[in-house]
């Protein structure tokens, strides 16, 4: 019975999360109850819990994690400055005469918002409020329009600077150190968040191209589902000036943030500071910054950052108790005996993460599943950057997979009542297939994730 306690702990945590309890307290509370029962019954050594204070201090003092509130501040500030709204309307006018043009505009703006804000909820809600009524008015298929907006909104999960990649990078870094110690290697080398950022660029662009290609194919073979805009006003020089005015500021911010990371001028945390300052300057330039808006941005940043760090603390306790029950050895034994070796282990992990995406969100999966499986996979010789990108794209599907995909909830909240929930669910299925296709290509060609970091950082 004792050897199955790690699996029982994992299942109970998942059930508590599915019941709707807060993630941080579900992880910490369930783990603490199991730990107390384990110590009293003699199935767990109480010495394991003595390592908890050091773990918590490591979380609070981790300089990489300072990037989380800074990037959140940057994203919320850009959302409030309404730069995306202006850019979206201008691109809709520009691409409107093309069949599928409104869909192209949504994908391109979603890509820019992902690279400048990284906040999925803000992207989906903004495009849902602005683009969805326009697309429906022009005769777009409701399922196609809904799926396009939901899928494009999730690009903030993989296109850097992504808060999800920062969190995943920190979890993988801890797992990498555990794997090295287990192999008897004592090295300060860790999984760099910058490596994940660079490694995510090509897969992120592949997703964008996949969405654009799908919209083009629909427009070609089902023109009635993605018609051209017939009543667009003539374009003037003033329009193109407005287009550049809305396009250049976010591009400049993206170049400043990502460029400083890729060139080695700044760490991800320092680049996050650049982004937060740049977003504030842009909001000031657009006349969208006042004390009330600044207070709203700071309140939202505090709420999100507090949630993330509380989850970190709960996850640290869960990981400690799981290892205290011998969970790491159980997982390693299961993977070692699995047919197919490393390939079979990776296939099982990717399948489990994909299935859990139907019922849990990416934060829960990152903190519950990744610390369990990553050390074992890294011990088996899996490249940490490739593993991180594979997990990130797989987790991206958790925003789209019914019934609990958060992007679906965000769009449902702003979509008109004429669009049924099942229509939204139907619309995201082709885009989930595109994400799985990119995941398959990454599995076959790991160089898609590892080549660029090797070229940039040697």
Protein backbone atom coordinates (compact mmCIF):
# COMPACT_ATOMS: atom_id res chain seq x y z
CA UNK A 1 0.00 0.00 0.00
CA UNK A 2 2.79 2.44 0.94
CA UNK A 3 4.37 2.29 -2.52
CA UNK A 4 1.13 3.55 -4.06
CA UNK A 5 0.85 6.59 -1.78
CA UNK A 6 2.49 8.97 -4.34
CA UNK A 7 -0.06 7.95 -6.97
CA UNK A 8 -2.93 8.32 -4.48
CA UNK A 9 -1.63 11.79 -3.52
CA UNK A 10 -1.52 12.82 -7.19
CA UNK A 11 -5.06 11.55 -7.86
CA UNK A 12 -6.49 13.24 -4.73
CA UNK A 13 -4.86 16.56 -5.68
CA UNK A 14 -6.37 16.35 -9.18
CA UNK A 15 -9.81 15.57 -7.73
CA UNK A 16 -9.60 18.52 -5.33
CA UNK A 17 -8.59 20.81 -8.21
CA UNK A 18 -11.47 19.54 -10.35
CA UNK A 19 -13.82 20.28 -7.47
CA UNK A 20 -13.00 23.97 -7.93
CA UNK A 21 -10.87 24.71 -4.89
CA UNK A 22 -8.06 27.31 -5.26
CA UNK A 23 -4.95 25.79 -6.81
CA UNK A 24 -2.42 26.99 -4.21
CA UNK A 25 -4.41 25.81 -1.20
CA UNK A 26 -5.39 22.56 -2.90
CA UNK A 27 -1.75 21.68 -3.48
CA UNK A 28 -0.53 22.79 -0.05
CA UNK A 29 -3.50 21.58 2.02
CA UNK A 30 -3.77 18.13 0.46
CA UNK A 31 -0.01 17.60 0.60
CA UNK A 32 0.18 18.71 4.22
CA UNK A 33 -2.60 16.32 5.28
CA UNK A 34 -0.86 13.44 3.50
CA UNK A 35 2.46 14.43 5.09
CA UNK A 36 0.99 14.44 8.59
CA UNK A 37 -0.65 11.07 8.00
CA UNK A 38 2.58 9.72 6.53
CA UNK A 39 4.73 10.85 9.45
CA UNK A 40 2.26 9.49 12.02
CA UNK A 41 2.02 6.14 10.23
CA UNK A 42 5.77 5.93 9.66
CA UNK A 43 5.51 5.78 5.87
CA UNK A 44 7.38 9.09 5.44
CA UNK A 45 10.48 10.45 7.14
CA UNK A 46 9.73 13.74 8.92
CA UNK A 47 13.18 14.99 7.86
CA UNK A 48 11.79 15.64 4.38
CA UNK A 49 9.60 18.44 5.71
CA UNK A 50 12.63 20.17 7.22
CA UNK A 51 13.70 21.10 3.69
CA UNK A 52 10.51 23.13 3.12
CA UNK A 53 11.79 26.46 4.60
CA UNK A 54 14.83 26.38 2.29
CA UNK A 55 12.58 25.70 -0.69
CA UNK A 56 10.25 28.57 0.16
CA UNK A 57 13.17 30.94 0.67
CA UNK A 58 14.54 29.83 -2.71
CA UNK A 59 11.24 30.73 -4.38
CA UNK A 60 10.99 34.17 -2.80
CA UNK A 61 14.65 35.00 -3.50
CA UNK A 62 14.65 33.68 -7.09
CA UNK A 63 15.64 36.61 -9.32
CA UNK A 64 14.24 34.97 -12.46
CA UNK A 65 10.74 34.97 -10.96
CA UNK A 66 10.89 38.76 -10.56
CA UNK A 67 10.20 38.80 -14.31
CA UNK A 68 6.69 37.44 -13.68
CA UNK A 69 5.15 40.57 -12.07
CA UNK A 70 7.09 42.82 -14.46
CA UNK A 71 5.79 41.06 -17.57
CA UNK A 72 2.28 40.96 -16.08
CA UNK A 73 2.52 44.73 -15.45
CA UNK A 74 3.67 45.23 -19.04
CA UNK A 75 0.80 43.19 -20.45
CA UNK A 76 -1.93 44.83 -18.36
CA UNK A 77 -0.57 48.29 -19.15
CA UNK A 78 -0.63 47.59 -22.89
CA UNK A 79 -4.15 46.20 -22.59
CA UNK A 80 -5.33 49.40 -20.90
CA UNK A 81 -3.58 51.63 -23.47
CA UNK A 82 -5.84 50.22 -26.25
CA UNK A 83 -3.00 49.93 -28.75
CA UNK A 84 -4.27 46.53 -29.86
CA UNK A 85 -7.78 47.84 -30.49
CA UNK A 86 -6.55 50.52 -32.89
CA UNK A 87 -4.22 48.11 -34.68
CA UNK A 88 -6.93 45.46 -35.02
CA UNK A 89 -9.42 47.86 -36.59
CA UNK A 90 -6.82 49.16 -39.06
CA UNK A 91 -5.70 45.68 -40.13
CA UNK A 92 -9.32 44.63 -40.58
CA UNK A 93 -9.75 47.52 -43.00
CA UNK A 94 -6.49 46.62 -44.77
CA UNK A 95 -7.19 42.90 -45.25
CA UNK A 96 -10.98 43.19 -45.49
CA UNK A 97 -11.25 42.90 -49.32
CA UNK A 98 -9.53 39.50 -49.21
CA UNK A 99 -11.55 36.37 -48.59
CA UNK A 100 -10.60 35.36 -45.08
CA UNK A 101 -9.01 38.77 -44.60
CA UNK A 102 -10.65 39.45 -41.25
CA UNK A 103 -9.32 36.11 -40.02
CA UNK A 104 -5.82 37.04 -41.20
CA UNK A 105 -6.05 40.33 -39.31
CA UNK A 106 -7.07 38.54 -36.10
CA UNK A 107 -4.13 36.11 -36.34
CA UNK A 108 -1.56 38.85 -37.03
CA UNK A 109 -2.79 41.10 -34.23
CA UNK A 110 -2.98 38.10 -31.90
CA UNK A 111 0.66 37.32 -32.70
CA UNK A 112 1.70 40.91 -31.89
CA UNK A 113 -0.34 40.94 -28.69
CA UNK A 114 1.19 37.61 -27.67
CA UNK A 115 4.68 38.99 -28.21
CA UNK A 116 3.95 42.25 -26.41
CA UNK A 117 1.54 41.29 -23.63
CA UNK A 118 1.46 37.51 -23.22
CA UNK A 119 -1.92 37.73 -21.42
CA UNK A 120 -4.27 35.21 -23.03
CA UNK A 121 -7.46 36.41 -21.36
CA UNK A 122 -6.89 40.01 -22.46
CA UNK A 123 -6.18 38.96 -26.06
CA UNK A 124 -9.27 36.75 -26.38
CA UNK A 125 -11.59 39.27 -24.74
CA UNK A 126 -10.25 42.21 -26.77
CA UNK A 127 -10.58 40.43 -30.10
CA UNK A 128 -13.89 38.91 -29.06
CA UNK A 129 -15.35 42.34 -28.36
CA UNK A 130 -13.93 44.03 -31.45
CA UNK A 131 -13.57 41.42 -34.20
CA UNK A 132 -16.30 38.86 -33.51
CA UNK A 133 -19.24 41.24 -34.16
CA UNK A 134 -17.54 42.46 -37.35
CA UNK A 135 -16.86 38.94 -38.60
CA UNK A 136 -20.43 37.83 -37.90
CA UNK A 137 -21.83 40.95 -39.59
CA UNK A 138 -19.76 40.23 -42.72
CA UNK A 139 -21.14 36.67 -42.91
CA UNK A 140 -18.30 34.64 -41.38
CA UNK A 141 -19.17 31.17 -40.15
CA UNK A 142 -19.70 31.55 -36.36
CA UNK A 143 -17.68 28.43 -35.52
CA UNK A 144 -14.78 29.55 -37.73
CA UNK A 145 -14.76 33.06 -36.26
CA UNK A 146 -14.93 31.76 -32.68
CA UNK A 147 -12.23 29.16 -33.19
CA UNK A 148 -9.95 31.68 -34.90
CA UNK A 149 -10.21 34.15 -32.02
CA UNK A 150 -9.79 31.53 -29.28
CA UNK A 151 -6.78 29.85 -30.92
CA UNK A 152 -5.03 33.11 -31.76
CA UNK A 153 -5.52 34.31 -28.20
CA UNK A 154 -3.57 31.31 -26.87
CA UNK A 155 -0.41 32.31 -28.78
CA UNK A 156 0.63 34.22 -25.66
CA UNK A 157 1.36 30.81 -24.13
CA UNK A 158 4.24 30.03 -26.52
CA UNK A 159 5.38 33.26 -28.20
CA UNK A 160 7.90 35.05 -25.95
CA UNK A 161 7.98 36.93 -23.72
CA UNK A 162 5.59 34.44 -22.16
CA UNK A 163 4.85 34.28 -18.45
CA UNK A 164 4.09 30.59 -18.94
CA UNK A 165 7.61 29.99 -20.31
CA UNK A 166 9.13 31.82 -17.34
CA UNK A 167 7.22 29.62 -14.89
CA UNK A 168 7.96 26.49 -16.89
CA UNK A 169 11.62 27.48 -17.11
CA UNK A 170 11.90 27.77 -13.34
CA UNK A 171 10.23 24.38 -12.80
CA UNK A 172 12.46 22.75 -15.44
CA UNK A 173 15.54 24.37 -13.93
CA UNK A 174 14.82 22.73 -10.57
CA UNK A 175 14.10 19.42 -12.33
CA UNK A 176 17.36 19.69 -14.30
CA UNK A 177 19.37 20.19 -11.12
CA UNK A 178 17.65 17.19 -9.52
CA UNK A 179 18.47 15.08 -12.60
CA UNK A 180 22.13 16.14 -12.52
CA UNK A 181 22.48 15.31 -8.83
CA UNK A 182 20.88 11.92 -9.44
CA UNK A 183 23.45 11.24 -12.17
CA UNK A 184 26.29 12.39 -9.91
CA UNK A 185 26.95 15.57 -11.89
CA UNK A 186 27.64 18.69 -9.85
CA UNK A 187 27.29 21.67 -12.18
CA UNK A 188 25.81 25.17 -11.81
CA UNK A 189 24.31 24.85 -15.28
CA UNK A 190 20.52 25.22 -15.40
CA UNK A 191 17.75 25.53 -17.98
CA UNK A 192 17.79 29.18 -19.02
CA UNK A 193 14.53 31.04 -19.56
CA UNK A 194 16.32 32.82 -22.41
CA UNK A 195 16.93 29.41 -24.05
CA UNK A 196 13.21 28.64 -23.82
CA UNK A 197 12.35 32.05 -25.27
CA UNK A 198 14.65 31.51 -28.25
CA UNK A 199 13.58 27.89 -28.66
CA UNK A 200 9.92 28.92 -28.77
CA UNK A 201 10.33 31.38 -31.66
CA UNK A 202 10.26 28.87 -34.54
CA UNK A 203 7.42 26.71 -33.12
CA UNK A 204 5.45 29.88 -32.34
CA UNK A 205 5.83 31.12 -35.91
CA UNK A 206 4.85 27.65 -37.16
CA UNK A 207 1.59 27.94 -35.24
CA UNK A 208 0.94 31.41 -36.71
CA UNK A 209 1.63 30.12 -40.24
CA UNK A 210 -0.60 27.11 -39.57
CA UNK A 211 -3.50 29.33 -38.51
CA UNK A 212 -3.02 31.61 -41.54
CA UNK A 213 -2.83 28.62 -43.90
CA UNK A 214 -6.00 27.13 -42.43
CA UNK A 215 -7.85 30.44 -42.88
CA UNK A 216 -6.59 30.64 -46.49
CA UNK A 217 -7.75 27.09 -47.25
CA UNK A 218 -11.19 27.76 -45.77
CA UNK A 219 -11.46 30.96 -47.81
CA UNK A 220 -10.43 29.04 -50.94
CA UNK A 221 -12.66 25.98 -50.63
CA UNK A 222 -15.51 27.42 -48.53
CA UNK A 223 -15.71 31.09 -49.58
CA UNK A 224 -19.13 31.49 -47.99
CA UNK A 225 -17.58 30.76 -44.57
CA UNK A 226 -14.97 33.54 -44.85
CA UNK A 227 -16.23 36.17 -47.32
CA UNK A 228 -14.51 39.39 -48.28
CA UNK A 229 -15.69 42.73 -46.87
CA UNK A 230 -17.72 44.43 -49.58
CA UNK A 231 -18.30 47.87 -48.07
CA UNK A 232 -14.79 48.90 -47.06
CA UNK A 233 -14.12 52.64 -47.49
CA UNK A 234 -11.23 53.63 -49.79
CA UNK A 235 -7.83 53.68 -48.15
CA UNK A 236 -6.09 57.02 -47.82
CA UNK A 237 -2.62 58.22 -46.91
CA UNK A 238 -4.01 59.15 -43.50
CA UNK A 239 -5.12 55.56 -42.98
CA UNK A 240 -1.64 54.18 -43.63
CA UNK A 241 -0.16 56.74 -41.26
CA UNK A 242 -2.61 55.58 -38.58
CA UNK A 243 -1.70 51.97 -39.38
CA UNK A 244 2.00 52.68 -38.88
CA UNK A 245 1.23 54.67 -35.74
CA UNK A 246 -0.53 51.63 -34.27
CA UNK A 247 2.03 49.11 -35.57
CA UNK A 248 5.40 50.69 -34.80
CA UNK A 249 5.05 51.17 -30.99
CA UNK A 250 4.30 47.52 -30.14
CA UNK A 251 6.93 46.35 -32.63
CA UNK A 252 9.49 48.66 -31.06
CA UNK A 253 8.63 47.30 -27.62
CA UNK A 254 8.90 43.70 -28.83
CA UNK A 255 12.30 44.40 -30.40
CA UNK A 256 13.50 46.15 -27.23
CA UNK A 257 12.42 43.28 -24.96
CA UNK A 258 13.29 40.24 -27.09
CA UNK A 259 16.28 41.91 -28.74
CA UNK A 260 17.88 42.69 -25.39
CA UNK A 261 17.45 39.03 -24.35
CA UNK A 262 18.63 37.47 -27.62
CA UNK A 263 21.66 39.75 -27.87
CA UNK A 264 22.68 39.02 -24.30
CA UNK A 265 22.46 42.67 -23.30
CA UNK A 266 19.85 41.93 -20.63
CA UNK A 267 18.60 38.96 -18.66
CA UNK A 268 14.89 38.06 -18.95
CA UNK A 269 14.28 39.84 -15.63
CA UNK A 270 16.06 43.00 -16.81
CA UNK A 271 14.22 42.81 -20.14
CA UNK A 272 10.94 42.53 -18.24
CA UNK A 273 11.83 45.80 -16.51
CA UNK A 274 12.46 47.36 -19.93
CA UNK A 275 9.09 46.09 -21.09
CA UNK A 276 7.23 47.41 -18.06
CA UNK A 277 8.82 50.84 -18.48
CA UNK A 278 8.23 50.83 -22.24
CA UNK A 279 4.56 49.92 -21.84
CA UNK A 280 4.12 52.76 -19.35
CA UNK A 281 5.77 55.22 -21.75
CA UNK A 282 3.52 54.04 -24.62
CA UNK A 283 0.40 54.44 -22.50
CA UNK A 284 1.56 57.96 -21.63
CA UNK A 285 2.21 58.78 -25.30
CA UNK A 286 -1.30 57.63 -26.25
CA UNK A 287 -2.83 59.73 -23.47
CA UNK A 288 -4.20 56.61 -21.76
CA UNK A 289 -2.28 56.93 -18.48
CA UNK A 290 -3.67 58.54 -15.35
CA UNK A 291 -3.59 57.76 -11.64
CA UNK A 292 -6.76 55.65 -11.76
CA UNK A 293 -5.52 53.54 -14.65
CA UNK A 294 -2.11 53.15 -13.02
CA UNK A 295 -3.82 51.97 -9.82
CA UNK A 296 -5.92 49.47 -11.81
CA UNK A 297 -2.81 48.12 -13.53
CA UNK A 298 -0.93 47.77 -10.24
CA UNK A 299 -3.91 46.06 -8.57
CA UNK A 300 -4.21 43.55 -11.43
CA UNK A 301 -0.46 42.91 -11.35
CA UNK A 302 -0.56 42.33 -7.59
CA UNK A 303 -3.46 39.88 -7.87
CA UNK A 304 -1.88 37.79 -10.65
CA UNK A 305 1.59 37.82 -9.08
CA UNK A 306 0.23 36.85 -5.66
CA UNK A 307 -1.69 33.96 -7.22
CA UNK A 308 1.40 32.70 -9.07
CA UNK A 309 3.70 32.86 -6.04
CA UNK A 310 1.14 31.22 -3.76
CA UNK A 311 0.90 28.40 -6.30
CA UNK A 312 4.69 28.17 -6.29
CA UNK A 313 4.63 27.70 -2.52
CA UNK A 314 1.87 25.08 -2.69
CA UNK A 315 3.69 23.26 -5.50
CA UNK A 316 6.93 23.20 -3.48
CA UNK A 317 5.14 21.45 -0.62
CA UNK A 318 3.43 19.02 -3.01
CA UNK A 319 6.72 18.15 -4.73
CA UNK A 320 8.46 17.63 -1.38
CA UNK A 321 5.75 15.32 -0.01
CA UNK A 322 5.55 13.42 -3.31
CA UNK A 323 9.29 12.73 -3.18
CA UNK A 324 9.05 11.91 0.53
CA UNK A 325 6.66 9.07 -0.29
CA UNK A 326 9.09 7.75 -2.91
CA UNK A 327 7.17 9.12 -5.88
CA UNK A 328 10.27 9.93 -7.92
CA UNK A 329 11.49 6.33 -7.69
CA UNK A 330 7.99 5.07 -8.61
CA UNK A 331 7.87 7.24 -11.75
CA UNK A 332 11.45 6.36 -12.72
CA UNK A 333 10.71 2.66 -12.33
CA UNK A 334 7.53 2.95 -14.41
CA UNK A 335 9.34 4.82 -17.20
CA UNK A 336 12.33 2.46 -17.17
CA UNK A 337 10.08 -0.59 -17.59
CA UNK A 338 8.01 1.07 -20.31
CA UNK A 339 8.26 -0.33 -23.86
CA UNK A 340 10.01 2.03 -26.25
CA UNK A 341 12.43 3.55 -23.76
CA UNK A 342 12.71 7.33 -23.93
CA UNK A 343 10.30 7.53 -26.89
CA UNK A 344 7.65 5.56 -25.03
CA UNK A 345 8.11 7.64 -21.88
CA UNK A 346 7.79 10.91 -23.81
CA UNK A 347 4.70 9.64 -25.61
CA UNK A 348 3.00 8.72 -22.33
CA UNK A 349 3.91 12.07 -20.71
CA UNK A 350 2.63 14.09 -23.68
CA UNK A 351 -0.58 12.05 -23.77
CA UNK A 352 -1.18 12.51 -20.02
CA UNK A 353 -0.58 16.28 -20.25
CA UNK A 354 -2.92 16.55 -23.25
CA UNK A 355 -5.69 14.59 -21.49
CA UNK A 356 -5.27 16.57 -18.26
CA UNK A 357 -5.70 19.72 -20.35
CA UNK A 358 -9.39 18.83 -20.70
CA UNK A 359 -9.94 19.26 -16.96
CA UNK A 360 -7.01 21.33 -15.59
CA UNK A 361 -5.42 24.60 -16.71
CA UNK A 362 -1.76 25.06 -17.61
CA UNK A 363 -0.67 26.41 -14.20
CA UNK A 364 -2.06 23.38 -12.40
CA UNK A 365 -0.45 20.97 -14.88
CA UNK A 366 2.87 22.83 -14.74
CA UNK A 367 3.09 22.61 -10.96
CA UNK A 368 1.55 19.17 -10.46
CA UNK A 369 2.78 17.07 -13.40
CA UNK A 370 6.01 18.65 -14.67
CA UNK A 371 7.98 18.39 -11.36
CA UNK A 372 7.08 14.68 -11.25
CA UNK A 373 8.00 13.64 -14.79
CA UNK A 374 10.68 16.16 -15.84
CA UNK A 375 13.53 14.96 -13.55
CA UNK A 376 13.03 11.38 -14.75
CA UNK A 377 12.93 12.34 -18.44
CA UNK A 378 16.00 14.56 -18.08
CA UNK A 379 17.84 11.70 -16.34
CA UNK A 380 17.00 9.57 -19.39
CA UNK A 381 18.84 12.07 -21.60
CA UNK A 382 15.99 14.22 -22.97
CA UNK A 383 17.11 17.71 -24.07
CA UNK A 384 15.69 20.20 -21.52
CA UNK A 385 14.92 22.95 -24.06
CA UNK A 386 13.14 20.53 -26.40
CA UNK A 387 11.21 19.09 -23.46
CA UNK A 388 10.20 22.58 -22.31
CA UNK A 389 8.90 23.62 -25.75
CA UNK A 390 7.06 20.32 -26.21
CA UNK A 391 5.35 20.76 -22.84
CA UNK A 392 4.57 24.44 -23.55
CA UNK A 393 2.79 23.70 -26.84
CA UNK A 394 1.00 20.75 -25.29
CA UNK A 395 -0.12 22.96 -22.41
CA UNK A 396 -1.34 25.53 -24.91
CA UNK A 397 -4.04 23.07 -25.93
CA UNK A 398 -5.37 23.17 -22.36
CA UNK A 399 -6.73 26.64 -23.16
CA UNK A 400 -8.73 25.27 -26.09
CA UNK A 401 -9.79 21.75 -25.12
CA UNK A 402 -13.43 21.51 -23.97
CA UNK A 403 -15.02 21.56 -21.50
CA UNK A 404 -12.69 23.65 -19.28
CA UNK A 405 -10.53 25.50 -21.81
CA UNK A 406 -10.07 28.99 -20.40
CA UNK A 407 -10.00 30.65 -23.83
CA UNK A 408 -13.47 29.16 -24.43
CA UNK A 409 -14.71 30.69 -21.18
CA UNK A 410 -13.20 34.09 -22.02
CA UNK A 411 -14.91 34.18 -25.43
CA UNK A 412 -18.18 32.80 -24.06
CA UNK A 413 -18.25 35.75 -21.66
CA UNK A 414 -18.18 38.35 -24.46
CA UNK A 415 -19.78 36.47 -27.37
CA UNK A 416 -23.42 37.27 -28.29
CA UNK A 417 -26.12 34.89 -27.13
CA UNK A 418 -26.76 33.90 -30.75
CA UNK A 419 -23.54 31.85 -30.68
CA UNK A 420 -24.11 28.60 -28.82
CA UNK A 421 -21.39 27.19 -26.58
CA UNK A 422 -21.23 24.06 -28.71
CA UNK A 423 -20.47 26.30 -31.72
CA UNK A 424 -17.41 27.67 -29.93
CA UNK A 425 -16.35 24.13 -29.01
CA UNK A 426 -16.76 23.01 -32.62
CA UNK A 427 -14.78 25.97 -33.92
CA UNK A 428 -11.62 25.25 -31.93
CA UNK A 429 -11.26 21.62 -33.05
CA UNK A 430 -9.34 22.37 -36.31
CA UNK A 431 -6.97 24.67 -34.41
CA UNK A 432 -6.35 21.97 -31.79
CA UNK A 433 -5.44 19.68 -34.69
CA UNK A 434 -2.97 22.31 -35.96
CA UNK A 435 -1.35 22.52 -32.53
CA UNK A 436 -1.06 18.73 -32.35
CA UNK A 437 0.47 18.70 -35.85
CA UNK A 438 3.13 21.22 -34.76
CA UNK A 439 3.72 19.08 -31.66
CA UNK A 440 4.20 16.01 -33.89
CA UNK A 441 6.67 17.89 -36.11
CA UNK A 442 8.61 18.94 -33.01
CA UNK A 443 8.69 15.33 -31.84
CA UNK A 444 10.06 14.16 -35.21
CA UNK A 445 12.43 17.12 -35.67
CA UNK A 446 13.68 18.31 -32.24
CA UNK A 447 15.99 20.75 -34.05
CA UNK A 448 12.97 23.01 -34.59
CA UNK A 449 13.28 23.88 -30.89
CA UNK A 450 17.00 23.36 -30.26
CA UNK A 451 18.70 24.73 -33.39
CA UNK A 452 18.11 28.45 -32.77
CA UNK A 453 19.28 28.43 -29.11
CA UNK A 454 22.44 26.60 -30.22
CA UNK A 455 23.08 29.25 -32.88
CA UNK A 456 22.40 32.16 -30.52
CA UNK A 457 24.12 30.88 -27.38
CA UNK A 458 26.51 28.33 -28.87
